[in-house]
Amino acid sequence: MASLSRSLTRAQRDFAAARYLPLADELAALLPVASAASTPAAMATAARIYHLTTRTLIKLSASPYAWISAHKGVEVAQASSNLQAIGECRRDLISLFHRAAEYRKARDVAISAAESLRSQLADATPHAWGAYGALLSTGAIAAARLEDRQSALDMLTEADEAAHRSPNLALGYGHVPIYKMGVSIVLGDAGTAVEHAKTVIPNQIPTLERRGSYYTGIAEAYTLWGKTDRAIRALLIAEKIAPSEVRRSGSRQVITELLRRDPHSKLSGLRGLARRVGVTL
């Protein structure tokens, strides 16, 4: 157990630093050990390994394998009765439904999971509260995709409350504002998204992965707003911080849209950025 926990901690550091390809090899070695877990404590650790595996596979656009890992994670988490593990693994399913454009399923799974966890959280650990807040934040994006503004805002309000119960170490500084940015973008309100971004001090975001996501979110908001130069500047900052984040499909779509608007643009290195991430010019 001690060795497995140390290996998981190392793997989590690689994810936080957006080193996804090396991390995939680490996780491949951990999964056979995780599958042999039999005690509640070991199963809770195993569930977190499946959770990290699912998040990594999502980052690498390997959704079919991510589904397998996510379902196994939910199964092991439930068997462990660990609230943090249950929240994290349920969130993975929400993310996958969202990426499959099954927004109604994603929202409904979030609502159902939140209801089942809520009554057990009174004396929960800060990390369990963090997992609960992250689950709600992800569900809010799916609700926004359905134009279910009220559910999205209600989930974000509750995620904010969870953040007060969870230190930054558990939920992550800036987590909820970044999801508020995402919801505002989906609802077509770029100005509000930028206002949410201004509430965050980027250098205090604890992981490079999340910091890169913060800047790609800003780029998406400015693209929606028609402020091309600011969008490109944010993408270039994101590339410097976490290059893997700019190579993901969402960022590539933003770059494609910026090129479509001005196919001959040389503004602020847009064409060079496009070449580096493999977007066709």
Protein backbone atom coordinates (compact mmCIF):
# COMPACT_ATOMS: atom_id res chain seq x y z
CA MET A 1 0.00 0.00 0.00
CA ALA A 2 2.77 2.45 0.92
CA SER A 3 4.59 1.77 -2.35
CA LEU A 4 1.38 2.09 -4.36
CA SER A 5 0.53 5.40 -2.69
CA ARG A 6 3.99 6.78 -3.42
CA SER A 7 3.70 5.74 -7.06
CA LEU A 8 0.29 7.41 -7.28
CA THR A 9 1.71 10.62 -5.82
CA ARG A 10 4.48 10.66 -8.45
CA ALA A 11 1.94 10.04 -11.20
CA GLN A 12 -0.27 12.87 -9.92
CA ARG A 13 2.72 15.23 -10.09
CA ASP A 14 3.28 14.32 -13.74
CA PHE A 15 -0.40 14.98 -14.51
CA ALA A 16 -0.23 18.34 -12.74
CA ALA A 17 2.80 19.20 -14.90
CA ALA A 18 0.91 18.17 -18.09
CA ARG A 19 3.39 15.37 -18.88
CA TYR A 20 0.76 13.05 -20.29
CA LEU A 21 2.73 10.67 -22.52
CA PRO A 22 5.31 9.65 -19.89
CA LEU A 23 2.47 9.38 -17.39
CA ALA A 24 0.67 6.84 -19.59
CA ASP A 25 3.63 4.47 -19.20
CA GLU A 26 3.64 4.93 -15.42
CA LEU A 27 -0.06 4.18 -15.17
CA ALA A 28 0.25 1.08 -17.36
CA ALA A 29 2.57 -0.33 -14.70
CA LEU A 30 0.26 0.67 -11.84
CA LEU A 31 -3.02 -0.71 -13.21
CA PRO A 32 -2.27 -4.42 -12.68
CA VAL A 33 -1.44 -3.66 -9.03
CA ALA A 34 -4.61 -1.59 -8.66
CA SER A 35 -6.75 -4.40 -10.07
CA ALA A 36 -5.59 -6.69 -7.26
CA ALA A 37 -6.78 -4.38 -4.46
CA SER A 38 -9.00 -6.12 -1.94
CA THR A 39 -9.22 -4.04 1.27
CA PRO A 40 -11.27 -0.80 1.44
CA ALA A 41 -8.13 1.34 1.81
CA ALA A 42 -6.40 -0.38 -1.09
CA MET A 43 -9.52 -0.07 -3.24
CA ALA A 44 -9.73 3.67 -2.50
CA THR A 45 -6.15 4.06 -3.74
CA ALA A 46 -6.91 1.84 -6.73
CA ALA A 47 -9.95 4.00 -7.57
CA ARG A 48 -7.75 7.10 -7.59
CA ILE A 49 -5.37 5.32 -9.97
CA TYR A 50 -8.28 4.54 -12.30
CA HIS A 51 -9.41 8.16 -11.95
CA LEU A 52 -5.98 9.47 -12.94
CA THR A 53 -5.82 6.97 -15.79
CA THR A 54 -9.18 8.16 -17.11
CA ARG A 55 -8.15 11.83 -16.90
CA THR A 56 -4.90 11.06 -18.72
CA LEU A 57 -6.64 9.10 -21.47
CA ILE A 58 -9.08 11.99 -21.93
CA LYS A 59 -6.13 14.38 -22.31
CA LEU A 60 -4.64 12.02 -24.91
CA SER A 61 -7.99 11.83 -26.81
CA ALA A 62 -8.23 8.08 -26.17
CA SER A 63 -11.90 8.06 -25.21
CA PRO A 64 -12.68 4.35 -25.84
CA TYR A 65 -10.04 3.33 -23.30
CA ALA A 66 -11.09 6.13 -20.97
CA TRP A 67 -14.61 4.67 -20.81
CA ILE A 68 -13.22 1.30 -19.69
CA SER A 69 -11.07 2.91 -17.02
CA ALA A 70 -13.92 5.15 -15.84
CA HIS A 71 -16.37 2.28 -15.36
CA LYS A 72 -13.76 0.24 -13.51
CA GLY A 73 -13.00 3.26 -11.33
CA VAL A 74 -16.66 3.71 -10.37
CA GLU A 75 -16.94 0.02 -9.50
CA VAL A 76 -13.86 0.04 -7.27
CA ALA A 77 -14.73 3.40 -5.69
CA GLN A 78 -18.19 2.21 -4.70
CA ALA A 79 -16.70 -0.94 -3.16
CA SER A 80 -14.26 1.19 -1.15
CA SER A 81 -17.04 3.46 0.27
CA ASN A 82 -14.51 6.33 0.07
CA LEU A 83 -16.40 9.55 -0.71
CA GLN A 84 -13.44 11.23 -2.41
CA ALA A 85 -12.91 8.26 -4.72
CA ILE A 86 -16.63 8.01 -5.49
CA GLY A 87 -16.84 11.71 -6.35
CA GLU A 88 -13.75 11.63 -8.54
CA CYS A 89 -14.79 8.56 -10.50
CA ARG A 90 -18.38 9.73 -10.98
CA ARG A 91 -16.98 12.99 -12.31
CA ASP A 92 -15.02 11.01 -14.91
CA LEU A 93 -18.26 9.57 -16.29
CA ILE A 94 -19.74 13.08 -16.48
CA SER A 95 -16.70 14.27 -18.44
CA LEU A 96 -16.93 11.39 -20.87
CA PHE A 97 -20.66 11.86 -21.48
CA HIS A 98 -19.95 15.53 -22.08
CA ARG A 99 -17.19 14.79 -24.59
CA ALA A 100 -19.54 12.37 -26.38
CA ALA A 101 -22.07 15.23 -26.68
CA GLU A 102 -24.42 13.31 -24.37
CA TYR A 103 -25.08 16.48 -22.42
CA ARG A 104 -28.36 15.40 -20.86
CA LYS A 105 -26.78 12.21 -19.49
CA ALA A 106 -23.81 14.21 -18.19
CA ARG A 107 -26.06 16.69 -16.38
CA ASP A 108 -28.33 13.99 -14.98
CA VAL A 109 -25.41 11.87 -13.73
CA ALA A 110 -24.03 14.97 -12.01
CA ILE A 111 -27.35 15.73 -10.33
CA SER A 112 -27.85 12.11 -9.27
CA ALA A 113 -24.29 11.72 -7.95
CA ALA A 114 -24.51 15.00 -6.05
CA GLU A 115 -27.77 13.96 -4.42
CA SER A 116 -26.34 10.62 -3.28
CA LEU A 117 -23.18 12.24 -1.87
CA ARG A 118 -24.72 15.33 -0.29
CA SER A 119 -26.23 13.55 2.70
CA GLN A 120 -22.88 11.91 3.56
CA LEU A 121 -20.70 15.01 3.47
CA ALA A 122 -21.41 16.53 6.88
CA ASP A 123 -18.27 15.08 8.46
CA ALA A 124 -16.38 14.42 5.23
CA THR A 125 -12.70 15.18 4.64
CA PRO A 126 -11.68 18.33 2.73
CA HIS A 127 -10.61 16.08 -0.15
CA ALA A 128 -14.09 14.57 -0.34
CA TRP A 129 -15.55 18.09 -0.46
CA GLY A 130 -13.06 18.90 -3.21
CA ALA A 131 -14.17 15.92 -5.29
CA TYR A 132 -17.80 16.94 -4.75
CA GLY A 133 -17.10 20.50 -5.92
CA ALA A 134 -15.23 19.26 -8.98
CA LEU A 135 -18.12 16.93 -9.87
CA LEU A 136 -20.61 19.81 -9.67
CA SER A 137 -18.37 22.11 -11.72
CA THR A 138 -18.16 19.56 -14.52
CA GLY A 139 -21.91 18.99 -14.41
CA ALA A 140 -22.48 22.74 -14.71
CA ILE A 141 -20.77 22.79 -18.12
CA ALA A 142 -23.06 20.01 -19.36
CA ALA A 143 -26.14 21.88 -18.07
CA ALA A 144 -24.97 25.00 -19.89
CA ARG A 145 -24.69 23.00 -23.12
CA LEU A 146 -28.38 22.18 -22.71
CA GLU A 147 -29.11 25.89 -22.13
CA ASP A 148 -30.23 24.87 -18.65
CA ARG A 149 -28.86 28.07 -17.17
CA GLN A 150 -30.50 27.65 -13.77
CA SER A 151 -29.08 24.18 -13.14
CA ALA A 152 -25.64 25.35 -14.30
CA LEU A 153 -25.66 28.34 -11.95
CA ASP A 154 -27.04 26.30 -9.05
CA MET A 155 -24.26 23.72 -9.46
CA LEU A 156 -21.61 26.44 -9.55
CA THR A 157 -23.05 28.04 -6.41
CA GLU A 158 -22.85 24.73 -4.60
CA ALA A 159 -19.34 24.12 -5.98
CA ASP A 160 -18.35 27.48 -4.48
CA GLU A 161 -19.69 26.35 -1.12
CA ALA A 162 -17.74 23.09 -1.42
CA ALA A 163 -14.60 25.10 -2.14
CA HIS A 164 -14.96 26.82 1.24
CA ARG A 165 -14.91 23.37 2.87
CA SER A 166 -11.88 22.30 0.88
CA PRO A 167 -8.42 23.88 1.03
CA ASN A 168 -6.80 24.84 -2.25
CA LEU A 169 -4.75 21.67 -2.05
CA ALA A 170 -7.89 19.55 -2.37
CA LEU A 171 -9.96 21.43 -4.94
CA GLY A 172 -7.29 23.68 -6.42
CA TYR A 173 -7.07 27.46 -6.37
CA GLY A 174 -9.08 28.96 -9.21
CA HIS A 175 -10.98 25.75 -10.00
CA VAL A 176 -14.51 27.13 -9.66
CA PRO A 177 -13.81 30.49 -11.41
CA ILE A 178 -12.32 28.59 -14.36
CA TYR A 179 -15.52 26.55 -14.64
CA LYS A 180 -17.55 29.73 -14.30
CA MET A 181 -15.57 31.00 -17.30
CA GLY A 182 -16.45 27.82 -19.18
CA VAL A 183 -20.17 28.08 -18.40
CA SER A 184 -20.22 31.74 -19.48
CA ILE A 185 -18.50 30.87 -22.76
CA VAL A 186 -20.99 28.08 -23.48
CA LEU A 187 -23.86 30.47 -22.74
CA GLY A 188 -22.34 32.98 -25.18
CA ASP A 189 -21.37 35.59 -22.60
CA ALA A 190 -17.70 36.30 -23.34
CA GLY A 191 -17.59 39.45 -21.23
CA THR A 192 -18.73 37.63 -18.10
CA ALA A 193 -16.18 34.88 -18.78
CA VAL A 194 -13.40 37.45 -18.86
CA GLU A 195 -14.70 39.03 -15.64
CA HIS A 196 -14.50 35.62 -13.94
CA ALA A 197 -10.95 35.26 -15.26
CA LYS A 198 -9.99 38.55 -13.63
CA THR A 199 -10.86 37.14 -10.19
CA VAL A 200 -7.99 34.63 -10.51
CA ILE A 201 -4.29 35.28 -9.93
CA PRO A 202 -2.77 32.93 -12.55
CA ASN A 203 0.53 32.36 -10.75
CA GLN A 204 -1.38 31.05 -7.74
CA ILE A 205 -3.00 28.26 -9.76
CA PRO A 206 -1.10 25.28 -8.33
CA THR A 207 -0.68 23.05 -11.39
CA LEU A 208 0.63 23.72 -14.88
CA GLU A 209 -2.22 21.64 -16.31
CA ARG A 210 -4.88 23.87 -14.74
CA ARG A 211 -2.91 27.06 -15.42
CA GLY A 212 -2.70 26.11 -19.10
CA SER A 213 -6.45 25.46 -19.11
CA TYR A 214 -7.03 28.88 -17.57
CA TYR A 215 -5.27 30.60 -20.47
CA THR A 216 -6.90 28.46 -23.16
CA GLY A 217 -10.25 29.38 -21.58
CA ILE A 218 -9.34 33.06 -21.80
CA ALA A 219 -8.39 32.55 -25.46
CA GLU A 220 -11.78 30.98 -26.16
CA ALA A 221 -13.58 33.86 -24.43
CA TYR A 222 -11.67 36.51 -26.39
CA THR A 223 -12.26 34.60 -29.63
CA LEU A 224 -15.99 34.61 -28.92
CA TRP A 225 -15.74 38.33 -28.17
CA GLY A 226 -13.87 39.03 -31.40
CA LYS A 227 -10.69 40.24 -29.69
CA THR A 228 -8.22 38.30 -31.83
CA ASP A 229 -4.95 39.74 -30.53
CA ARG A 230 -5.84 39.00 -26.91
CA ALA A 231 -6.93 35.47 -27.80
CA ILE A 232 -3.61 34.75 -29.55
CA ARG A 233 -1.65 36.22 -26.64
CA ALA A 234 -3.46 33.93 -24.20
CA LEU A 235 -2.77 30.88 -26.39
CA LEU A 236 0.92 31.70 -26.58
CA ILE A 237 1.08 31.99 -22.79
CA ALA A 238 -0.72 28.65 -22.48
CA GLU A 239 1.75 27.07 -24.91
CA LYS A 240 4.69 28.31 -22.85
CA ILE A 241 3.20 26.97 -19.61
CA ALA A 242 1.72 23.64 -20.77
CA PRO A 243 2.26 22.84 -24.47
CA SER A 244 0.12 19.70 -24.24
CA GLU A 245 -2.95 21.78 -23.37
CA VAL A 246 -2.67 23.84 -26.58
CA ARG A 247 -2.48 20.65 -28.65
CA ARG A 248 -5.84 19.44 -27.35
CA SER A 249 -8.90 19.55 -29.60
CA GLY A 250 -10.58 22.54 -27.93
CA SER A 251 -7.54 24.79 -28.33
CA ARG A 252 -6.98 23.59 -31.88
CA GLN A 253 -10.57 24.56 -32.70
CA VAL A 254 -9.94 28.05 -31.34
CA ILE A 255 -6.79 28.36 -33.48
CA THR A 256 -8.71 27.11 -36.53
CA GLU A 257 -11.43 29.70 -35.92
CA LEU A 258 -8.89 32.51 -35.59
CA LEU A 259 -7.26 31.46 -38.87
CA ARG A 260 -10.64 31.24 -40.57
CA ARG A 261 -11.37 34.82 -39.64
CA ASP A 262 -8.06 36.03 -40.99
CA PRO A 263 -6.33 33.32 -43.09
CA HIS A 264 -3.36 35.54 -43.94
CA SER A 265 -2.82 36.77 -40.39
CA LYS A 266 0.68 37.16 -39.06
CA LEU A 267 -0.59 38.75 -35.85
CA SER A 268 1.38 37.81 -32.77
CA GLY A 269 2.61 34.50 -34.18
CA LEU A 270 -0.75 32.85 -34.89
CA ARG A 271 0.46 31.02 -37.98
CA GLY A 272 3.60 29.80 -36.21
CA LEU A 273 1.47 28.54 -33.33
CA ALA A 274 -0.83 26.75 -35.79
CA ARG A 275 2.14 24.96 -37.37
CA ARG A 276 3.50 23.89 -33.99
CA VAL A 277 0.21 22.29 -32.89
CA GLY A 278 -0.53 20.74 -36.27
CA VAL A 279 -3.42 22.93 -37.41
CA THR A 280 -3.63 23.09 -41.23
CA LEU A 281 -2.90 26.57 -42.54
